[in-house]
Amino acid sequence: MHGCLLYYITDRTAFASDEPTRCRRLLEKVKEAARAGVDYIQLRERNLSTRELECLAREAVHIVREATNLAPAPRPLAPVLLINSRTDVALATGADGVHLRSDDVSPQTVRTVWRASGAGTAARVSPQPPLIGVSCHSPREVAQAAEAMASFAIFGPVFEKKDAPGTKPAGLVQLREACNAKIPVLALGGVALENARECLEAGAAGIAAIRLFQENEMGKVVDALRLLDR
């Protein structure tokens, strides 16, 4: 891993338009993220049918791979595309792994399914082993994710979120405790350029966000966050 890890979570519903335009704008953001050097891109489009999600994921995978190939200089890590919760879609589309909810199947189950998918006559498209992120809301959940062989954890909300003012934030003290786990922990929830450094100083391996990346110029946000880690 290198420096501050950056994790963009997609949300096409934030775009005020018809569905085809939303998807097109989302894929444009995915391309921006991949070209700007975001480390992880989570396709988090939970209200799509399996067929719709698979089609969108295939396009996103193609975009990320193409952006990597067209990068002007070699990168320490190529962008990683994760599918929210759906191991089947990740395998079918050649994604790099999945992101699991806190109440989802265990990372161990995902790894078992991933290995088994290579058996029989059907050739697996996705690489092995998968990268698996897990949403966590307490230090204990982060420790459990580590024990269950997760690749990393997304911990939050660290700060109060504008779109959920009634949600109690975990705060920096709990983030610091969560970062004692044996896997990287990325900070999520109310994170902005103004408070991102506090998360890194608390031990976070990186920053995860929807709005911070999606509502701003991707390249400028990436550059600003990278500078915090120097």
Protein backbone atom coordinates (compact mmCIF):
# COMPACT_ATOMS: atom_id res chain seq x y z
CA MET A 1 0.00 0.00 0.00
CA HIS A 2 1.09 3.57 -0.50
CA GLY A 3 0.38 6.66 1.55
CA CYS A 4 -3.17 7.72 2.25
CA LEU A 5 -5.61 5.26 0.66
CA LEU A 6 -8.53 6.91 -1.13
CA TYR A 7 -11.89 5.17 -1.43
CA TYR A 8 -14.69 6.57 -3.62
CA ILE A 9 -18.20 5.22 -3.00
CA THR A 10 -20.61 5.77 -5.87
CA ASP A 11 -24.18 7.06 -5.62
CA ARG A 12 -25.92 7.66 -8.93
CA THR A 13 -29.13 8.76 -7.14
CA ALA A 14 -27.35 11.99 -6.19
CA PHE A 15 -27.53 13.06 -9.83
CA ALA A 16 -30.81 14.84 -10.59
CA SER A 17 -31.81 13.39 -13.93
CA ASP A 18 -33.35 10.38 -15.68
CA GLU A 19 -31.90 6.92 -15.05
CA PRO A 20 -29.80 6.58 -18.26
CA THR A 21 -28.23 9.98 -17.62
CA ARG A 22 -27.55 9.13 -13.99
CA CYS A 23 -25.71 5.98 -15.01
CA ARG A 24 -23.73 7.85 -17.66
CA ARG A 25 -22.71 10.55 -15.19
CA LEU A 26 -21.77 7.91 -12.65
CA LEU A 27 -19.50 6.15 -15.12
CA GLU A 28 -17.90 9.50 -15.94
CA LYS A 29 -17.11 9.91 -12.24
CA VAL A 30 -15.67 6.40 -12.12
CA LYS A 31 -13.40 7.33 -15.03
CA GLU A 32 -12.35 10.55 -13.27
CA ALA A 33 -11.57 8.62 -10.10
CA ALA A 34 -9.51 5.99 -11.90
CA ARG A 35 -7.54 8.58 -13.85
CA ALA A 36 -6.99 10.77 -10.78
CA GLY A 37 -5.43 7.90 -8.84
CA VAL A 38 -8.19 6.91 -6.41
CA ASP A 39 -7.19 3.54 -4.94
CA TYR A 40 -10.61 1.95 -4.42
CA ILE A 41 -13.91 2.51 -6.21
CA GLN A 42 -16.98 0.90 -4.63
CA LEU A 43 -19.96 0.46 -6.94
CA ARG A 44 -22.72 0.95 -4.37
CA GLU A 45 -25.88 0.96 -6.48
CA ARG A 46 -28.14 -1.08 -4.23
CA ASN A 47 -31.53 -0.49 -5.88
CA LEU A 48 -30.71 -1.94 -9.29
CA SER A 49 -31.83 -5.33 -10.56
CA THR A 50 -29.14 -7.98 -10.90
CA ARG A 51 -29.10 -7.52 -14.67
CA GLU A 52 -28.85 -3.73 -14.41
CA LEU A 53 -26.11 -3.92 -11.80
CA GLU A 54 -24.16 -6.43 -13.86
CA CYS A 55 -24.33 -4.24 -16.96
CA LEU A 56 -23.21 -1.18 -15.01
CA ALA A 57 -20.43 -3.14 -13.32
CA ARG A 58 -19.11 -4.45 -16.64
CA GLU A 59 -18.86 -0.92 -17.96
CA ALA A 60 -17.18 0.26 -14.77
CA VAL A 61 -14.64 -2.57 -14.90
CA HIS A 62 -13.83 -1.70 -18.52
CA ILE A 63 -13.42 1.98 -17.67
CA VAL A 64 -11.11 1.29 -14.72
CA ARG A 65 -8.94 -1.10 -16.74
CA GLU A 66 -8.74 1.33 -19.64
CA ALA A 67 -7.84 4.24 -17.36
CA THR A 68 -5.06 2.16 -15.83
CA ASN A 69 -3.63 1.28 -19.23
CA LEU A 70 -3.70 4.93 -20.34
CA ALA A 71 -2.05 6.27 -17.17
CA PRO A 72 0.94 8.50 -18.10
CA ALA A 73 3.25 6.80 -15.60
CA PRO A 74 3.31 3.52 -13.66
CA ARG A 75 1.40 3.59 -10.37
CA PRO A 76 2.27 1.78 -7.14
CA LEU A 77 -1.24 0.32 -7.24
CA ALA A 78 -3.84 0.11 -10.00
CA PRO A 79 -7.35 1.29 -9.09
CA VAL A 80 -9.47 -1.44 -7.50
CA LEU A 81 -13.17 -1.87 -8.30
CA LEU A 82 -15.39 -3.44 -5.64
CA ILE A 83 -19.05 -4.39 -5.95
CA ASN A 84 -21.29 -3.67 -2.99
CA SER A 85 -22.35 -6.94 -1.33
CA ARG A 86 -22.81 -8.94 -4.56
CA THR A 87 -20.09 -11.58 -4.85
CA ASP A 88 -21.88 -13.14 -7.82
CA VAL A 89 -21.82 -9.89 -9.79
CA ALA A 90 -18.19 -9.26 -8.87
CA LEU A 91 -17.22 -12.69 -10.19
CA ALA A 92 -19.30 -12.39 -13.34
CA THR A 93 -17.92 -9.00 -14.32
CA GLY A 94 -14.26 -9.40 -13.42
CA ALA A 95 -14.29 -6.93 -10.52
CA ASP A 96 -11.49 -7.06 -7.96
CA GLY A 97 -13.67 -7.96 -4.98
CA VAL A 98 -16.62 -6.89 -2.86
CA HIS A 99 -17.57 -4.52 -0.09
CA LEU A 100 -19.71 -6.07 2.63
CA ARG A 101 -22.24 -4.49 4.95
CA SER A 102 -21.73 -4.93 8.69
CA ASP A 103 -24.57 -7.51 8.72
CA ASP A 104 -23.56 -9.22 5.48
CA VAL A 105 -22.04 -12.64 4.88
CA SER A 106 -18.56 -13.10 6.32
CA PRO A 107 -15.39 -12.40 4.34
CA GLN A 108 -14.51 -16.07 4.84
CA THR A 109 -17.71 -17.06 3.01
CA VAL A 110 -16.83 -14.74 0.13
CA ARG A 111 -13.35 -16.26 -0.15
CA THR A 112 -14.84 -19.77 -0.17
CA VAL A 113 -17.30 -18.86 -2.94
CA TRP A 114 -14.55 -17.10 -4.89
CA ARG A 115 -12.29 -20.15 -4.79
CA ALA A 116 -15.15 -22.52 -5.66
CA SER A 117 -16.11 -20.43 -8.69
CA GLY A 118 -12.98 -21.65 -10.46
CA ALA A 119 -14.14 -25.27 -10.37
CA GLY A 120 -16.03 -27.03 -13.15
CA THR A 121 -16.30 -25.95 -16.78
CA ALA A 122 -16.88 -22.22 -16.26
CA ALA A 123 -13.67 -20.19 -16.20
CA ARG A 124 -13.49 -17.51 -13.55
CA VAL A 125 -13.09 -14.00 -14.92
CA SER A 126 -12.11 -12.27 -11.67
CA PRO A 127 -8.64 -12.59 -10.15
CA GLN A 128 -7.99 -14.46 -6.93
CA PRO A 129 -7.86 -13.80 -4.09
CA PRO A 130 -10.56 -11.12 -3.83
CA LEU A 131 -10.15 -7.83 -2.01
CA ILE A 132 -12.84 -7.57 0.65
CA GLY A 133 -13.84 -4.44 2.53
CA VAL A 134 -16.28 -4.45 5.45
CA SER A 135 -18.39 -1.61 6.85
CA CYS A 136 -17.82 -1.30 10.61
CA HIS A 137 -19.37 0.97 13.22
CA SER A 138 -17.35 0.08 16.31
CA PRO A 139 -13.81 -1.03 17.17
CA ARG A 140 -15.20 -4.45 18.04
CA GLU A 141 -16.69 -4.86 14.55
CA VAL A 142 -13.33 -3.91 13.03
CA ALA A 143 -11.59 -6.57 15.15
CA GLN A 144 -14.19 -9.13 14.05
CA ALA A 145 -13.66 -8.16 10.39
CA ALA A 146 -9.93 -8.69 10.80
CA GLU A 147 -10.48 -12.11 12.37
CA ALA A 148 -12.81 -13.03 9.50
CA MET A 149 -10.05 -12.31 6.94
CA ALA A 150 -11.30 -8.99 5.60
CA SER A 151 -8.75 -7.05 3.55
CA PHE A 152 -9.65 -3.77 5.23
CA ALA A 153 -12.44 -2.01 7.13
CA ILE A 154 -14.41 1.16 6.48
CA PHE A 155 -15.14 2.73 9.87
CA GLY A 156 -17.80 5.33 10.48
CA PRO A 157 -19.46 7.62 10.70
CA VAL A 158 -16.50 9.43 12.26
CA PHE A 159 -18.12 12.87 12.08
CA GLU A 160 -21.73 14.01 11.89
CA LYS A 161 -23.13 13.65 8.39
CA LYS A 162 -25.06 16.48 6.74
CA ASP A 163 -27.63 14.10 5.28
CA ALA A 164 -28.11 12.26 8.60
CA PRO A 165 -27.89 14.85 11.41
CA GLY A 166 -29.54 12.50 13.92
CA THR A 167 -26.90 9.80 13.53
CA LYS A 168 -24.44 9.75 16.41
CA PRO A 169 -20.87 9.94 15.12
CA ALA A 170 -18.27 7.50 16.44
CA GLY A 171 -15.67 10.23 16.84
CA LEU A 172 -11.89 10.24 16.65
CA VAL A 173 -11.36 8.36 19.93
CA GLN A 174 -13.20 5.29 18.64
CA LEU A 175 -11.51 5.64 15.27
CA ARG A 176 -8.12 5.58 16.98
CA GLU A 177 -9.13 2.43 18.89
CA ALA A 178 -10.44 0.79 15.72
CA CYS A 179 -7.13 1.46 13.98
CA ASN A 180 -5.38 -0.89 16.40
CA ALA A 181 -6.76 -3.79 14.38
CA LYS A 182 -4.49 -5.88 12.17
CA ILE A 183 -6.08 -4.61 8.95
CA PRO A 184 -6.11 -1.13 7.38
CA VAL A 185 -8.99 1.07 8.56
CA LEU A 186 -10.37 3.87 6.41
CA ALA A 187 -12.39 6.73 7.88
CA LEU A 188 -15.91 7.43 6.58
CA GLY A 189 -18.73 9.79 7.44
CA GLY A 190 -18.62 13.57 7.41
CA VAL A 191 -15.00 13.52 6.29
CA ALA A 192 -13.93 16.66 4.43
CA LEU A 193 -10.64 18.25 3.42
CA GLU A 194 -10.81 20.29 6.64
CA ASN A 195 -10.87 17.29 9.00
CA ALA A 196 -9.25 14.51 6.97
CA ARG A 197 -5.84 15.10 8.58
CA GLU A 198 -7.36 14.40 12.02
CA CYS A 199 -8.45 10.97 10.77
CA LEU A 200 -4.98 10.17 9.47
CA GLU A 201 -3.39 11.34 12.72
CA ALA A 202 -5.76 9.02 14.59
CA GLY A 203 -4.29 6.12 12.64
CA ALA A 204 -6.62 5.79 9.65
CA ALA A 205 -4.98 4.28 6.59
CA GLY A 206 -7.10 6.42 4.33
CA ILE A 207 -10.29 8.30 3.58
CA ALA A 208 -13.58 6.92 2.24
CA ALA A 209 -16.39 9.15 0.99
CA ILE A 210 -19.24 9.66 -1.40
CA ARG A 211 -19.81 13.41 -1.56
CA LEU A 212 -16.21 14.49 -1.04
CA PHE A 213 -15.25 12.79 -4.29
CA GLN A 214 -18.48 12.83 -6.27
CA GLU A 215 -19.49 16.46 -5.73
CA ASN A 216 -16.06 17.98 -6.32
CA GLU A 217 -13.37 17.99 -8.98
CA MET A 218 -11.84 14.56 -8.47
CA GLY A 219 -8.26 15.46 -9.33
CA LYS A 220 -8.13 18.40 -6.93
CA VAL A 221 -9.58 16.37 -4.06
CA VAL A 222 -7.11 13.54 -4.66
CA ASP A 223 -4.16 15.94 -4.78
CA ALA A 224 -5.26 17.71 -1.61
CA LEU A 225 -5.67 14.44 0.31
CA ARG A 226 -2.32 13.11 -0.90
CA LEU A 227 -0.62 16.26 0.40
CA LEU A 228 -1.99 15.60 3.90
CA ASP A 229 0.03 12.42 4.12
CA ARG A 230 3.39 14.01 3.35
